């Protein structure tokens, strides 16, 4: 049943979180915006629409389809052991999240991958729509990596749907410009990546960019010692984006975003 309604479930959760966080950051913004909300929202929503259409042609099999085939055949590492369904789901979820974290690190340190990923980091502001600002090239490569993980692990289709849905929701939440009480933020950081935690990753300072890679589970950054609690300039005075992209005409127009990976910047 979950597989049959996957698109409806994911779209419903996505729209709910997008609207909820959009309202929350409008009512209680963490930082003033440099470019503004509506110009960026229009470009980001157009980008995600374009990516969704193109992905249907470039990625023939989705994550749930691969999980269904592998799981039905008893394949993957999880298919070799007999575990209660709940335990298997938790293990798969944690390993998939670690895989996403690892691929995120790779996108920062492999030069040709960074060319695509810098589209995400070139945003001069950070709000809920930054969580969907990705170049098609990055989406295709990430999908290939994710499908390989699913093939190797063999998680159930339901686990994959839950993971994909929660990961998308967590990306919207962690990129949002919502103001949370500091004590609540510090507590939540032990459970999930918070906006104040992830915002540091979007700092223009390279050492801060190379920290806090997590989207959902916050433990990997601490475990691999790339966790940073606060930006050097503080949350309100830190500069968002990349040093080489400071012109909104470059960073906030769809043609510029699409050709950004092919420009000669370090």
Protein backbone atom coordinates (compact mmCIF):
# COMPACT_ATOMS: atom_id res chain seq x y z
CA UNK A 1 0.00 0.00 0.00
CA UNK A 2 2.86 2.38 0.85
CA UNK A 3 4.52 1.71 -2.49
CA UNK A 4 1.28 2.35 -4.38
CA UNK A 5 0.84 5.73 -2.70
CA UNK A 6 4.52 6.72 -2.48
CA UNK A 7 4.20 9.83 -4.64
CA UNK A 8 1.14 11.07 -2.78
CA UNK A 9 2.76 10.49 0.61
CA UNK A 10 5.99 12.21 -0.30
CA UNK A 11 4.31 15.15 -2.02
CA UNK A 12 1.91 15.61 0.89
CA UNK A 13 4.68 15.63 3.49
CA UNK A 14 6.85 17.89 1.32
CA UNK A 15 4.10 20.45 0.81
CA UNK A 16 3.11 20.36 4.49
CA UNK A 17 6.66 20.91 5.75
CA UNK A 18 7.41 23.56 3.10
CA UNK A 19 4.31 25.59 3.99
CA UNK A 20 4.71 25.08 7.74
CA UNK A 21 8.38 26.10 7.82
CA UNK A 22 7.73 28.93 5.36
CA UNK A 23 5.11 30.38 7.69
CA UNK A 24 7.28 29.78 10.76
CA UNK A 25 10.30 31.59 9.32
CA UNK A 26 8.08 34.45 8.15
CA UNK A 27 6.60 34.86 11.64
CA UNK A 28 9.87 34.25 13.53
CA UNK A 29 12.88 34.76 11.21
CA UNK A 30 16.35 33.96 12.52
CA UNK A 31 18.19 36.34 10.18
CA UNK A 32 17.24 39.18 7.83
CA UNK A 33 17.36 38.10 4.18
CA UNK A 34 19.86 39.65 1.78
CA UNK A 35 18.06 38.92 -1.49
CA UNK A 36 14.54 38.50 -0.18
CA UNK A 37 12.00 35.74 -0.08
CA UNK A 38 9.96 35.92 -3.28
CA UNK A 39 12.70 36.25 -5.93
CA UNK A 40 14.48 33.22 -4.50
CA UNK A 41 11.35 31.16 -3.92
CA UNK A 42 10.32 31.56 -7.55
CA UNK A 43 13.71 30.46 -8.85
CA UNK A 44 14.02 27.56 -6.41
CA UNK A 45 10.54 26.22 -7.11
CA UNK A 46 11.18 26.48 -10.84
CA UNK A 47 14.46 24.59 -10.37
CA UNK A 48 12.82 21.76 -8.41
CA UNK A 49 10.05 21.46 -11.02
CA UNK A 50 12.63 21.26 -13.82
CA UNK A 51 14.67 18.71 -11.90
CA UNK A 52 11.65 16.51 -11.22
CA UNK A 53 10.69 16.40 -14.89
CA UNK A 54 14.25 15.76 -16.08
CA UNK A 55 14.86 13.09 -13.40
CA UNK A 56 12.02 10.97 -14.72
CA UNK A 57 13.91 10.58 -17.99
CA UNK A 58 17.45 10.36 -16.61
CA UNK A 59 16.80 8.00 -13.68
CA UNK A 60 14.83 5.00 -15.00
CA UNK A 61 14.40 3.22 -11.65
CA UNK A 62 13.45 4.89 -8.40
CA UNK A 63 14.72 3.98 -4.95
CA UNK A 64 11.50 2.18 -3.99
CA UNK A 65 11.47 0.13 -7.20
CA UNK A 66 15.04 -1.04 -6.57
CA UNK A 67 14.27 -1.79 -2.92
CA UNK A 68 11.20 -3.82 -3.93
CA UNK A 69 13.13 -5.99 -6.39
CA UNK A 70 16.09 -6.59 -4.07
CA UNK A 71 13.90 -7.21 -1.01
CA UNK A 72 11.61 -9.66 -2.80
CA UNK A 73 14.64 -11.69 -3.88
CA UNK A 74 16.14 -11.70 -0.40
CA UNK A 75 19.18 -9.84 -1.63
CA UNK A 76 21.38 -7.28 0.06
CA UNK A 77 23.28 -7.51 3.31
CA UNK A 78 20.09 -7.32 5.37
CA UNK A 79 18.66 -10.22 3.39
CA UNK A 80 21.41 -12.51 4.65
CA UNK A 81 20.38 -12.22 8.30
CA UNK A 82 17.08 -12.79 10.03
CA UNK A 83 16.11 -9.77 12.10
CA UNK A 84 12.81 -8.45 13.44
CA UNK A 85 11.31 -6.02 10.95
CA UNK A 86 11.64 -3.06 13.31
CA UNK A 87 15.30 -3.74 14.06
CA UNK A 88 16.05 -4.20 10.38
CA UNK A 89 14.33 -0.91 9.56
CA UNK A 90 16.32 1.02 12.18
CA UNK A 91 19.63 -0.45 11.00
CA UNK A 92 18.80 0.31 7.38
CA UNK A 93 17.72 3.85 8.23
CA UNK A 94 20.94 4.61 10.14
CA UNK A 95 23.17 3.10 7.43
CA UNK A 96 21.35 4.94 4.66
CA UNK A 97 21.72 8.21 6.55
CA UNK A 98 25.44 7.55 7.02
CA UNK A 99 25.70 6.89 3.30
CA UNK A 100 24.03 10.23 2.52
CA UNK A 101 26.35 11.98 4.98
CA UNK A 102 29.39 10.35 3.34
CA UNK A 103 28.27 11.32 -0.14
CA UNK A 104 27.77 14.89 1.06
CA UNK A 105 31.37 14.98 2.26
CA UNK A 106 32.48 13.61 -1.12
CA UNK A 107 30.63 16.40 -2.92
CA UNK A 108 32.80 18.87 -1.02
CA UNK A 109 36.18 17.28 -1.62
CA UNK A 110 35.95 15.71 -5.09
CA UNK A 111 36.47 18.66 -7.46
CA UNK A 112 34.04 17.67 -10.21
CA UNK A 113 31.35 16.86 -7.65
CA UNK A 114 31.90 20.20 -5.92
CA UNK A 115 31.21 21.97 -9.21
CA UNK A 116 27.62 20.70 -9.03
CA UNK A 117 27.24 21.05 -5.28
CA UNK A 118 28.35 24.67 -5.23
CA UNK A 119 24.98 25.54 -6.79
CA UNK A 120 23.48 24.66 -3.41
CA UNK A 121 26.05 26.72 -1.50
CA UNK A 122 25.95 29.77 -3.75
CA UNK A 123 22.62 30.86 -2.27
CA UNK A 124 23.17 34.22 -0.57
CA UNK A 125 20.41 33.53 1.93
CA UNK A 126 19.28 30.40 3.69
CA UNK A 127 15.62 29.53 4.10
CA UNK A 128 13.34 26.53 3.66
CA UNK A 129 13.62 26.61 -0.15
CA UNK A 130 17.42 26.30 0.06
CA UNK A 131 16.70 22.68 0.97
CA UNK A 132 15.52 22.04 -2.61
CA UNK A 133 18.15 24.13 -4.40
CA UNK A 134 20.24 21.45 -6.13
CA UNK A 135 21.65 21.17 -9.64
CA UNK A 136 20.31 18.33 -11.79
CA UNK A 137 23.83 16.92 -12.07
CA UNK A 138 24.05 16.53 -8.30
CA UNK A 139 20.62 14.93 -8.16
CA UNK A 140 21.57 12.32 -10.78
CA UNK A 141 24.88 11.45 -9.10
CA UNK A 142 23.26 11.32 -5.65
CA UNK A 143 20.48 9.08 -6.98
CA UNK A 144 23.05 6.67 -8.41
CA UNK A 145 24.87 6.52 -5.08
CA UNK A 146 21.62 6.01 -3.18
CA UNK A 147 20.47 3.22 -5.51
CA UNK A 148 23.81 1.48 -5.03
CA UNK A 149 23.38 1.65 -1.24
CA UNK A 150 19.87 0.25 -1.46
CA UNK A 151 21.08 -2.57 -3.72
CA UNK A 152 23.86 -3.48 -1.27
CA UNK A 153 21.74 -3.21 1.89
CA UNK A 154 18.39 -4.59 0.69
CA UNK A 155 16.07 -2.55 2.95
CA UNK A 156 12.31 -3.01 2.73
CA UNK A 157 10.37 -0.68 0.39
CA UNK A 158 8.52 0.77 3.39
CA UNK A 159 11.81 1.68 5.05
CA UNK A 160 13.01 3.40 1.88
CA UNK A 161 9.79 5.39 1.57
CA UNK A 162 10.06 6.47 5.21
CA UNK A 163 13.72 7.38 4.79
CA UNK A 164 13.19 9.38 1.59
CA UNK A 165 10.22 11.21 3.09
CA UNK A 166 11.93 12.07 6.36
CA UNK A 167 15.18 13.05 4.64
CA UNK A 168 13.35 15.53 2.41
CA UNK A 169 11.45 16.93 5.38
CA UNK A 170 14.65 17.20 7.41
CA UNK A 171 16.38 19.07 4.58
CA UNK A 172 13.59 21.65 4.50
CA UNK A 173 13.68 22.00 8.29
CA UNK A 174 17.47 22.25 8.63
CA UNK A 175 17.74 24.90 5.92
CA UNK A 176 14.90 27.02 7.26
CA UNK A 177 15.36 30.52 8.62
CA UNK A 178 13.23 29.92 11.68
CA UNK A 179 14.24 31.22 15.09
CA UNK A 180 14.24 28.54 17.78
CA UNK A 181 14.93 29.20 21.46
CA UNK A 182 18.63 28.49 22.05
CA UNK A 183 18.05 25.90 24.82
CA UNK A 184 15.61 24.03 22.56
CA UNK A 185 18.07 24.16 19.66
CA UNK A 186 20.88 22.75 21.80
CA UNK A 187 18.64 19.92 22.97
CA UNK A 188 17.34 19.10 19.50
CA UNK A 189 20.90 18.89 18.14
CA UNK A 190 21.26 15.52 19.87
CA UNK A 191 18.25 14.19 17.96
CA UNK A 192 18.14 15.94 14.59
CA UNK A 193 20.10 18.54 12.64
CA UNK A 194 18.69 21.98 13.48
CA UNK A 195 18.68 25.16 11.37
CA UNK A 196 21.29 26.89 13.57
CA UNK A 197 23.53 23.83 13.34
CA UNK A 198 23.29 23.41 9.57
CA UNK A 199 23.45 27.12 8.77
CA UNK A 200 27.12 27.08 9.83
CA UNK A 201 27.77 24.68 6.94
CA UNK A 202 26.65 27.45 4.57
CA UNK A 203 29.10 30.00 5.91
CA UNK A 204 31.39 31.77 3.43
CA UNK A 205 34.35 30.77 5.66
CA UNK A 206 35.78 27.54 4.23
CA UNK A 207 36.56 25.93 7.61
CA UNK A 208 32.94 26.43 8.61
CA UNK A 209 31.65 25.19 5.26
CA UNK A 210 33.61 22.00 5.86
CA UNK A 211 31.67 21.20 9.02
CA UNK A 212 28.16 20.07 10.04
CA UNK A 213 27.44 17.99 6.93
CA UNK A 214 24.42 16.19 8.36
CA UNK A 215 20.89 16.60 7.02
CA UNK A 216 18.95 14.43 9.47
CA UNK A 217 20.94 12.39 12.03
CA UNK A 218 23.37 14.76 13.79
CA UNK A 219 25.78 12.16 15.21
CA UNK A 220 28.13 11.68 12.26
CA UNK A 221 29.60 15.19 12.49
CA UNK A 222 30.48 14.69 16.14
CA UNK A 223 31.79 11.17 15.56
CA UNK A 224 34.12 12.26 12.75
CA UNK A 225 35.07 15.51 14.52
CA UNK A 226 33.69 17.92 11.97
CA UNK A 227 31.02 19.32 14.27
CA UNK A 228 31.05 23.06 14.97
CA UNK A 229 28.73 24.48 17.63
CA UNK A 230 28.76 28.13 16.54
CA UNK A 231 30.06 30.25 13.66
CA UNK A 232 32.96 32.59 14.41
CA UNK A 233 30.90 35.69 13.62
CA UNK A 234 27.76 34.47 15.35
CA UNK A 235 24.50 33.41 13.74
CA UNK A 236 23.35 36.94 12.94
CA UNK A 237 26.61 38.31 11.53
CA UNK A 238 27.90 35.28 9.62
CA UNK A 239 27.98 35.60 5.83
CA UNK A 240 26.11 32.97 3.83
CA UNK A 241 27.24 31.67 0.44
CA UNK A 242 30.50 31.40 -1.50
CA UNK A 243 33.20 34.05 -1.80
CA UNK A 244 33.29 33.78 -5.60
CA UNK A 245 29.52 34.20 -6.02
CA UNK A 246 28.28 37.43 -4.42
CA UNK A 247 26.13 38.86 -7.21
CA UNK A 248 22.41 37.93 -7.02
CA UNK A 249 22.31 38.11 -10.81
CA UNK A 250 24.61 35.06 -10.78
CA UNK A 251 23.12 33.21 -7.85
CA UNK A 252 19.42 33.90 -8.22
CA UNK A 253 18.62 33.44 -11.90
CA UNK A 254 17.80 30.05 -13.36
CA UNK A 255 20.15 30.21 -16.41
CA UNK A 256 23.05 31.20 -14.16
CA UNK A 257 22.29 28.40 -11.72
CA UNK A 258 22.16 25.80 -14.50
CA UNK A 259 25.51 26.77 -16.00
CA UNK A 260 27.29 27.36 -12.67
CA UNK A 261 29.01 23.92 -12.57
CA UNK A 262 30.64 24.65 -15.91
CA UNK A 263 32.11 28.02 -14.98
CA UNK A 264 35.80 28.39 -14.13
CA UNK A 265 35.82 29.00 -10.40
CA UNK A 266 37.94 27.23 -7.80
